[in-house]
Amino acid sequence: MDYDIADPSLAPQGQLRVEWARSRMPVLASIRERFERDRPLAGIRVGACLHVTAETANLMSTLRAGGADVALCASNPLSTQDDVAAALVASGIPVFAIRAEGADSYYRHIRQVLDLEPQITMDDGADLVTTLLKERPEHRPFGSTEETTTGVIRLRAMAADGVLRFPVVAVNDSATKHLFDNHHGTGQSALDGILRATNLLFAGKTVVVIGYGHCGSGVAARADGLGARVVVVEVDPVRALEAAMEGFAAMSMAQAARVGEVFITTTGNIHVIRDEHFDVMKDGAILANAGHFDVEIDLPALEARSTGKRRLRHELDEYLMTDGRRIHVVGEGRLVNLAAAEGHPAEVMDMSFANQALAAEWLAGEGKSLAPGVHRLPEHLDDTVAAIALARLGGALDELTDEQARYLGSWEMGT
């Protein structure tokens, strides 16, 4: 088969990157050892649409160790690490992904993975499932897994509309995914992407974080730790109150647009930074998106309002406004941690991808009987991932005494 990757000669460099990530992913390593022994995915075809990174490469090799035939395409045009793609192909895993590919190539690669008629699909953003549902109505996999918040939102909308024909495991809903990957992973890697693109000093800057879910709260905490003045924009009163209680200023976007110096979107929604905000931003404002799709910053509107655009640094574009102000966009408004950096640290993706591997095993077994719709991974599997990760950090768990267990199980509590 002709795999569509950038440069096969990059494979040795990619193999080293994959090896380094593997050394930081002990939870997935323990699952891989069991998979090699028990082969729970023997003969099952798995098609994945994920960010093509060193961490993903270790997930793919884990699935293959479990007996699966796997194929991979990218879930974002700017997230592919070309050397990793080459390393995977060299190891015998089909990959269809090239960094900075256009929309036509992106969807052609998704269709190439679907051509393998996967029995289990893995998604990050739900593009693979969406394409399957629209274009291949005859194909019914055992089920799918979904990595990110945006994808889960899309899938629940599909289920509500009655078009989701098979079960999907919302890996993002697992505690060992969203409490760590979304908060700690996005918090660190989003700022990493901005720093690599700008070499900015955060200390003393006014940083506007738009959205205060798990991702936004992580970004706000890291910006605060670097000495920034943090402003949070929210539409949810409880989340806005939570941000205020954490010591951050809660403002409307109209207010924040006038005072911010760095803007980071984390909502998963469309056009949260738009015309009226561009009009009042300070000269030199920096805009970055940490959401899955490149729709949070209204770039067509910014293009229309500007008189020129130039590339200043790696993944940093400057737009010149009609009044002479300059507005800068990192990573073309795409997922900044992967467009301008390397994505989440391997230690965080270790837990997320451990959940992915366990979800595939579950779907291949008892999960086959699940009804169409969005499902959570069983809690005991989530706990297993947490216990292994805790041990890796040198932590330990206490245990309830028999007396304590009886007390908690009784309605006759009290003195």
Protein backbone atom coordinates (compact mmCIF):
# COMPACT_ATOMS: atom_id res chain seq x y z
CA MET A 1 0.00 0.00 0.00
CA ASP A 2 1.19 3.53 -0.80
CA TYR A 3 1.24 5.44 2.48
CA ASP A 4 1.03 9.22 2.23
CA ILE A 5 3.76 10.65 4.45
CA ALA A 6 6.17 13.54 4.00
CA ASP A 7 9.62 11.94 3.97
CA PRO A 8 10.46 8.28 4.74
CA SER A 9 14.08 9.25 5.49
CA LEU A 10 12.90 10.92 8.71
CA ALA A 11 12.11 7.52 10.27
CA PRO A 12 15.30 7.15 12.42
CA GLN A 13 14.74 10.58 13.96
CA GLY A 14 11.12 9.71 14.63
CA GLN A 15 12.03 6.38 16.21
CA LEU A 16 14.19 8.18 18.78
CA ARG A 17 11.34 10.55 19.58
CA VAL A 18 8.95 7.61 20.01
CA GLU A 19 11.47 5.82 22.24
CA TRP A 20 11.78 8.87 24.51
CA ALA A 21 8.01 9.18 24.84
CA ARG A 22 7.73 5.47 25.62
CA SER A 23 10.10 5.89 28.56
CA ARG A 24 7.64 8.43 30.04
CA MET A 25 4.49 6.29 29.55
CA PRO A 26 4.58 3.52 32.19
CA VAL A 27 0.80 3.00 32.37
CA LEU A 28 0.55 2.25 28.67
CA ALA A 29 3.65 0.05 28.96
CA SER A 30 1.95 -2.11 31.59
CA ILE A 31 -1.10 -2.49 29.33
CA ARG A 32 1.13 -3.36 26.40
CA GLU A 33 2.78 -6.15 28.38
CA ARG A 34 -0.63 -7.68 29.12
CA PHE A 35 -1.79 -7.16 25.53
CA GLU A 36 1.27 -9.01 24.21
CA ARG A 37 0.43 -11.94 26.46
CA ASP A 38 -3.37 -12.07 26.10
CA ARG A 39 -3.89 -10.66 22.56
CA PRO A 40 -7.40 -9.26 23.31
CA LEU A 41 -7.59 -7.48 19.92
CA ALA A 42 -6.46 -10.39 17.76
CA GLY A 43 -7.72 -10.01 14.20
CA ILE A 44 -9.59 -6.75 14.85
CA ARG A 45 -9.13 -3.82 12.48
CA VAL A 46 -8.70 -0.47 14.24
CA GLY A 47 -8.83 2.81 12.32
CA ALA A 48 -7.60 5.88 14.19
CA CYS A 49 -7.88 9.60 13.47
CA LEU A 50 -5.59 11.12 16.10
CA HIS A 51 -2.78 13.65 16.33
CA VAL A 52 0.23 11.90 14.78
CA THR A 53 2.70 12.35 17.62
CA ALA A 54 5.25 10.22 19.45
CA GLU A 55 2.69 9.49 22.16
CA THR A 56 0.14 8.33 19.58
CA ALA A 57 2.80 6.10 18.05
CA ASN A 58 3.07 4.28 21.37
CA LEU A 59 -0.69 3.81 21.49
CA MET A 60 -0.64 2.35 17.97
CA SER A 61 2.13 -0.09 18.89
CA THR A 62 0.20 -1.09 22.02
CA LEU A 63 -2.91 -1.87 19.97
CA ARG A 64 -0.81 -3.87 17.53
CA ALA A 65 0.77 -5.75 20.45
CA GLY A 66 -2.79 -6.73 21.39
CA GLY A 67 -3.27 -8.30 17.96
CA ALA A 68 -5.02 -5.44 16.15
CA ASP A 69 -4.45 -4.40 12.56
CA VAL A 70 -4.17 -0.61 12.86
CA ALA A 71 -4.13 2.36 10.49
CA LEU A 72 -3.74 6.03 11.40
CA CYS A 73 -4.54 9.42 9.90
CA ALA A 74 -4.25 12.91 11.39
CA SER A 75 -7.03 14.64 13.32
CA ASN A 76 -5.63 18.12 12.63
CA PRO A 77 -3.73 19.41 9.57
CA LEU A 78 -1.00 21.04 11.69
CA SER A 79 -0.54 18.38 14.39
CA THR A 80 1.39 15.74 12.45
CA GLN A 81 5.02 15.11 13.39
CA ASP A 82 6.39 13.98 10.03
CA ASP A 83 9.29 12.05 11.53
CA VAL A 84 6.91 10.07 13.75
CA ALA A 85 4.68 9.27 10.77
CA ALA A 86 7.74 7.96 8.95
CA ALA A 87 8.80 5.89 11.96
CA LEU A 88 5.37 4.26 12.19
CA VAL A 89 5.36 3.36 8.51
CA ALA A 90 8.86 1.91 8.88
CA SER A 91 7.52 -0.26 11.71
CA GLY A 92 4.73 -1.58 9.49
CA ILE A 93 1.83 0.59 10.68
CA PRO A 94 -0.06 2.36 7.86
CA VAL A 95 -0.13 6.14 8.28
CA PHE A 96 -1.80 8.73 6.06
CA ALA A 97 -0.73 12.17 7.29
CA ILE A 98 1.47 15.09 6.30
CA ARG A 99 1.99 18.21 8.38
CA ALA A 100 0.31 21.34 6.96
CA GLU A 101 -1.83 19.34 4.53
CA GLY A 102 -4.83 21.00 2.91
CA ALA A 103 -8.48 20.12 3.44
CA ASP A 104 -8.67 17.85 0.38
CA SER A 105 -5.66 15.83 1.51
CA TYR A 106 -6.91 15.74 5.09
CA TYR A 107 -10.23 14.15 4.14
CA ARG A 108 -8.65 11.88 1.54
CA HIS A 109 -6.52 10.44 4.32
CA ILE A 110 -9.58 9.91 6.51
CA ARG A 111 -11.22 8.01 3.66
CA GLN A 112 -8.10 5.89 3.20
CA VAL A 113 -8.36 4.74 6.80
CA LEU A 114 -12.06 3.99 6.32
CA ASP A 115 -11.21 1.98 3.19
CA LEU A 116 -9.72 -0.60 5.57
CA GLU A 117 -13.25 -1.10 7.01
CA PRO A 118 -12.21 -0.76 10.65
CA GLN A 119 -14.24 -2.65 13.24
CA ILE A 120 -13.24 -0.15 15.91
CA THR A 121 -12.54 3.52 15.19
CA MET A 122 -10.65 6.00 17.36
CA ASP A 123 -11.30 9.71 17.02
CA ASP A 124 -10.04 13.06 18.28
CA GLY A 125 -12.69 15.56 17.26
CA ALA A 126 -15.13 13.07 15.62
CA ASP A 127 -14.11 13.74 12.00
CA LEU A 128 -13.62 10.02 11.32
CA VAL A 129 -17.04 9.07 12.69
CA THR A 130 -18.72 12.02 10.98
CA THR A 131 -17.24 11.04 7.60
CA LEU A 132 -18.20 7.41 8.16
CA LEU A 133 -21.81 8.27 9.02
CA LYS A 134 -22.20 10.61 6.06
CA GLU A 135 -20.41 8.65 3.37
CA ARG A 136 -20.45 4.97 4.41
CA PRO A 137 -23.92 4.25 5.81
CA GLU A 138 -23.47 0.53 5.15
CA HIS A 139 -20.43 0.27 7.44
CA ARG A 140 -21.18 -0.49 11.10
CA PRO A 141 -18.13 -0.92 13.35
CA PHE A 142 -18.36 -2.54 16.79
CA GLY A 143 -17.93 0.93 18.16
CA SER A 144 -15.66 3.94 18.45
CA THR A 145 -13.72 5.92 21.03
CA GLU A 146 -13.51 9.70 21.33
CA GLU A 147 -10.56 11.54 22.82
CA THR A 148 -11.61 15.16 23.24
CA THR A 149 -14.39 17.41 24.57
CA THR A 150 -15.27 18.85 21.16
CA GLY A 151 -15.72 15.38 19.72
CA VAL A 152 -17.93 14.24 22.60
CA ILE A 153 -20.14 17.30 22.12
CA ARG A 154 -20.51 16.46 18.41
CA LEU A 155 -21.26 12.82 19.15
CA ARG A 156 -23.93 13.65 21.72
CA ALA A 157 -25.53 15.91 19.11
CA MET A 158 -25.46 12.99 16.65
CA ALA A 159 -27.04 10.70 19.24
CA ALA A 160 -29.74 13.28 20.00
CA ASP A 161 -30.52 13.52 16.27
CA GLY A 162 -30.72 9.74 15.99
CA VAL A 163 -27.92 9.39 13.43
CA LEU A 164 -25.29 7.68 15.60
CA ARG A 165 -25.61 4.02 14.56
CA PHE A 166 -23.11 2.42 16.95
CA PRO A 167 -21.74 2.88 20.48
CA VAL A 168 -18.97 5.38 21.20
CA VAL A 169 -16.87 5.40 24.35
CA ALA A 170 -16.29 8.99 25.50
CA VAL A 171 -12.70 8.55 26.68
CA ASN A 172 -12.68 12.29 27.44
CA ASP A 173 -15.24 11.64 30.20
CA SER A 174 -12.85 9.37 32.10
CA ALA A 175 -11.49 11.14 35.17
CA THR A 176 -7.93 10.11 34.34
CA LYS A 177 -8.35 11.86 31.01
CA HIS A 178 -10.12 15.18 31.50
CA LEU A 179 -8.85 15.95 35.01
CA PHE A 180 -5.23 15.61 33.90
CA ASP A 181 -4.90 15.76 30.10
CA ASN A 182 -7.30 18.69 29.75
CA HIS A 183 -6.22 20.65 32.83
CA HIS A 184 -2.51 19.91 33.25
CA GLY A 185 -1.76 18.93 29.66
CA THR A 186 -3.50 21.83 27.93
CA GLY A 187 -2.42 24.24 30.64
CA GLN A 188 1.25 23.51 30.03
CA SER A 189 1.32 22.74 26.31
CA ALA A 190 -0.82 25.71 25.18
CA LEU A 191 1.59 28.12 26.83
CA ASP A 192 4.50 26.09 25.47
CA GLY A 193 3.18 26.65 21.94
CA ILE A 194 2.79 30.39 22.46
CA LEU A 195 6.26 30.66 23.99
CA ARG A 196 7.91 28.78 21.12
CA ALA A 197 6.16 30.95 18.55
CA THR A 198 6.74 34.30 20.29
CA ASN A 199 9.51 34.00 22.92
CA LEU A 200 7.16 36.12 25.03
CA LEU A 201 7.61 37.07 28.68
CA PHE A 202 4.32 36.25 30.39
CA ALA A 203 5.19 38.00 33.64
CA GLY A 204 3.31 41.28 33.85
CA LYS A 205 1.16 40.61 30.77
CA THR A 206 -2.63 40.63 30.83
CA VAL A 207 -3.66 37.20 29.57
CA VAL A 208 -7.31 36.65 28.64
CA VAL A 209 -8.47 33.03 28.87
CA ILE A 210 -11.78 32.51 27.09
CA GLY A 211 -13.58 29.53 28.59
CA TYR A 212 -13.01 28.18 32.10
CA GLY A 213 -13.66 24.47 31.78
CA HIS A 214 -10.97 21.90 32.51
CA CYS A 215 -8.75 23.23 29.71
CA GLY A 216 -9.27 26.94 30.43
CA SER A 217 -8.70 26.55 34.14
CA GLY A 218 -5.40 24.79 33.42
CA VAL A 219 -4.29 27.55 31.05
CA ALA A 220 -5.26 30.23 33.57
CA ALA A 221 -3.37 28.50 36.39
CA ARG A 222 -0.18 28.19 34.33
CA ALA A 223 -0.36 31.78 33.08
CA ASP A 224 -0.86 32.92 36.67
CA GLY A 225 2.15 30.84 37.71
CA LEU A 226 4.26 32.68 35.14
CA GLY A 227 3.32 36.01 36.67
CA ALA A 228 0.58 37.10 34.26
CA ARG A 229 -2.50 39.08 35.20
CA VAL A 230 -5.27 36.66 34.23
CA VAL A 231 -8.72 37.64 32.96
CA VAL A 232 -11.35 34.95 32.38
CA VAL A 233 -14.27 35.24 29.95
CA GLU A 234 -17.18 32.88 30.55
CA VAL A 235 -20.88 32.51 29.67
CA ASP A 236 -21.51 30.12 32.58
CA PRO A 237 -22.07 31.99 35.88
CA VAL A 238 -20.81 29.11 38.02
CA ARG A 239 -17.55 28.85 36.11
CA ALA A 240 -17.13 32.62 36.09
CA LEU A 241 -17.65 32.63 39.85
CA GLU A 242 -15.13 29.81 40.24
CA ALA A 243 -12.57 31.87 38.28
CA ALA A 244 -13.25 34.91 40.46
CA MET A 245 -12.82 32.79 43.60
CA GLU A 246 -9.45 31.63 42.22
CA GLY A 247 -8.38 35.28 42.12
CA PHE A 248 -8.89 35.97 38.41
CA ALA A 249 -10.85 38.88 36.96
CA ALA A 250 -14.11 37.78 35.30
CA MET A 251 -15.13 40.00 32.38
CA SER A 252 -17.25 39.98 29.28
CA MET A 253 -15.38 39.59 26.01
CA ALA A 254 -16.23 43.19 25.12
CA GLN A 255 -14.43 44.33 28.28
CA ALA A 256 -11.51 41.90 27.99
CA ALA A 257 -10.82 42.77 24.34
CA ARG A 258 -9.78 46.29 25.39
CA VAL A 259 -7.33 45.27 28.12
CA GLY A 260 -5.84 41.97 26.99
CA GLU A 261 -2.38 41.50 25.58
CA VAL A 262 -2.54 37.72 25.03
CA PHE A 263 -5.82 35.94 24.23
CA ILE A 264 -6.22 32.15 24.48
CA THR A 265 -9.49 30.49 23.45
CA THR A 266 -10.53 27.19 25.08
CA THR A 267 -14.29 27.00 24.43
CA GLY A 268 -14.78 24.65 21.48
CA ASN A 269 -17.27 27.20 20.14
CA ILE A 270 -17.30 29.35 17.03
CA HIS A 271 -16.15 32.98 16.71
CA VAL A 272 -15.56 33.78 20.35
CA ILE A 273 -13.06 36.40 19.10
CA ARG A 274 -14.63 38.34 16.23
CA ASP A 275 -15.06 41.68 14.41
CA GLU A 276 -15.98 43.93 17.30
CA HIS A 277 -13.11 42.55 19.40
CA PHE A 278 -10.47 43.05 16.72
CA ASP A 279 -11.58 46.69 16.45
CA VAL A 280 -10.66 47.55 20.03
CA MET A 281 -7.63 45.34 20.73
CA LYS A 282 -4.32 46.87 21.70
CA ASP A 283 -1.54 47.20 19.18
CA GLY A 284 0.55 44.01 19.31
CA ALA A 285 -2.17 41.75 20.74
CA ILE A 286 -1.42 38.03 20.44
CA LEU A 287 -4.20 35.53 19.70
CA ALA A 288 -3.98 31.76 20.16
CA ASN A 289 -6.51 28.94 20.14
CA ALA A 290 -6.34 25.88 22.40
CA GLY A 291 -9.63 24.41 21.17
CA HIS A 292 -9.80 21.53 18.72
CA PHE A 293 -11.04 23.33 15.59
CA ASP A 294 -9.77 26.56 14.02
CA VAL A 295 -13.12 28.35 14.36
CA GLU A 296 -12.80 30.11 17.71
CA ILE A 297 -10.93 33.08 16.23
CA ASP A 298 -12.83 34.53 13.25
CA LEU A 299 -9.83 34.62 10.92
CA PRO A 300 -11.80 35.46 7.76
CA ALA A 301 -13.09 38.58 9.52
CA LEU A 302 -9.56 39.46 10.64
CA GLU A 303 -8.30 38.99 7.09
CA ALA A 304 -11.05 41.29 5.78
CA ARG A 305 -10.16 43.98 8.32
CA SER A 306 -6.43 43.90 7.66
CA THR A 307 -4.41 45.56 4.93
CA GLY A 308 -1.64 42.98 4.94
CA LYS A 309 -0.28 39.83 6.54
CA ARG A 310 3.24 38.54 7.03
CA ARG A 311 4.92 35.60 8.75
CA LEU A 312 7.21 36.94 11.49
CA ARG A 313 8.40 33.72 13.12
CA HIS A 314 7.65 30.01 13.10
CA GLU A 315 3.84 29.81 13.34
CA LEU A 316 3.39 33.52 14.10
CA ASP A 317 1.50 35.74 11.63
CA GLU A 318 1.08 39.50 11.86
CA TYR A 319 -2.05 41.24 10.55
CA LEU A 320 -1.78 44.99 9.87
CA MET A 321 -5.03 46.81 10.59
CA THR A 322 -6.22 49.88 8.67
CA ASP A 323 -5.42 52.16 11.62
CA GLY A 324 -1.86 50.87 11.91
CA ARG A 325 -2.41 48.46 14.81
CA ARG A 326 -0.89 44.99 14.58
CA ILE A 327 -2.63 41.80 15.67
CA HIS A 328 -0.68 38.55 15.86
CA VAL A 329 -2.07 35.03 15.45
CA VAL A 330 -0.23 31.91 16.60
CA GLY A 331 -0.45 28.65 14.66
CA GLU A 332 -2.95 29.90 12.08
CA GLY A 333 -5.62 29.79 14.77
CA ARG A 334 -5.32 26.01 15.01
CA LEU A 335 -4.70 23.94 18.11
CA VAL A 336 -1.74 25.93 19.41
CA ASN A 337 -0.08 23.26 21.50
CA LEU A 338 0.40 21.07 18.42
CA ALA A 339 0.60 23.71 15.69
CA ALA A 340 3.44 25.56 17.42
CA ALA A 341 4.82 22.94 19.84
CA GLU A 342 4.77 19.17 20.47
CA GLY A 343 1.45 18.73 22.23
CA HIS A 344 0.86 17.43 25.72
CA PRO A 345 3.69 15.90 27.77
CA ALA A 346 4.00 12.14 27.43
CA GLU A 347 3.21 11.58 31.13
CA VAL A 348 -0.25 13.09 30.62
CA MET A 349 -0.95 11.32 27.34
CA ASP A 350 0.06 8.09 29.07
CA MET A 351 -3.19 8.14 31.04
CA SER A 352 -5.33 9.31 28.12
CA PHE A 353 -4.02 6.64 25.79
CA ALA A 354 -4.21 3.97 28.46
CA ASN A 355 -7.93 4.75 28.51
CA GLN A 356 -8.02 4.50 24.71
CA ALA A 357 -6.38 1.08 24.76
CA LEU A 358 -8.69 -0.19 27.49
CA ALA A 359 -11.71 1.21 25.65
CA ALA A 360 -10.73 -0.69 22.50
CA GLU A 361 -10.39 -3.89 24.52
CA TRP A 362 -13.78 -3.27 26.15
CA LEU A 363 -15.47 -2.65 22.80
CA ALA A 364 -13.91 -5.80 21.36
CA GLY A 365 -15.38 -7.81 24.22
CA GLU A 366 -18.46 -6.98 26.25
CA GLY A 367 -18.78 -3.58 24.61
CA LYS A 368 -20.13 -5.26 21.48
CA SER A 369 -23.50 -5.50 23.21
CA LEU A 370 -23.73 -1.75 23.92
CA ALA A 371 -26.60 0.17 22.39
CA PRO A 372 -25.86 2.98 19.92
CA GLY A 373 -25.01 6.20 21.74
CA VAL A 374 -22.28 7.75 23.88
CA HIS A 375 -21.00 5.69 26.82
CA ARG A 376 -18.46 6.10 29.59
CA LEU A 377 -15.62 3.69 30.17
CA PRO A 378 -16.35 1.60 33.30
CA GLU A 379 -15.14 3.29 36.48
CA HIS A 380 -12.99 0.37 37.58
CA LEU A 381 -10.86 0.77 34.44
CA ASP A 382 -10.46 4.48 35.20
CA ASP A 383 -9.35 3.54 38.73
CA THR A 384 -6.84 1.04 37.35
CA VAL A 385 -5.21 3.75 35.24
CA ALA A 386 -5.10 6.13 38.21
CA ALA A 387 -3.52 3.56 40.53
CA ILE A 388 -0.72 2.73 38.07
CA ALA A 389 -0.04 6.41 37.40
CA LEU A 390 0.02 7.21 41.12
CA ALA A 391 2.55 4.46 41.77
CA ARG A 392 4.73 5.88 38.97
CA LEU A 393 4.76 9.20 40.83
CA GLY A 394 5.83 7.47 44.02
CA GLY A 395 2.43 7.76 45.68
CA ALA A 396 0.50 5.13 47.60
CA LEU A 397 -3.11 4.53 48.59
CA ASP A 398 -4.55 3.95 52.03
CA GLU A 399 -7.25 1.31 52.61
CA LEU A 400 -10.49 1.44 54.56
CA THR A 401 -10.61 -0.68 57.67
CA ASP A 402 -13.49 -3.13 57.95
CA GLU A 403 -15.01 -0.83 60.56
CA GLN A 404 -14.80 2.17 58.23
CA ALA A 405 -16.31 0.24 55.34
CA ARG A 406 -19.23 -0.88 57.52
CA TYR A 407 -19.75 2.69 58.76
CA LEU A 408 -19.88 4.15 55.26
CA GLY A 409 -22.28 1.40 54.19
CA SER A 410 -24.70 2.05 57.03
CA TRP A 411 -27.54 4.57 57.23
CA GLU A 412 -27.13 4.67 61.01
CA MET A 413 -24.21 7.09 60.91
CA GLY A 414 -23.57 9.47 63.75
CA THR A 415 -21.93 9.65 67.13
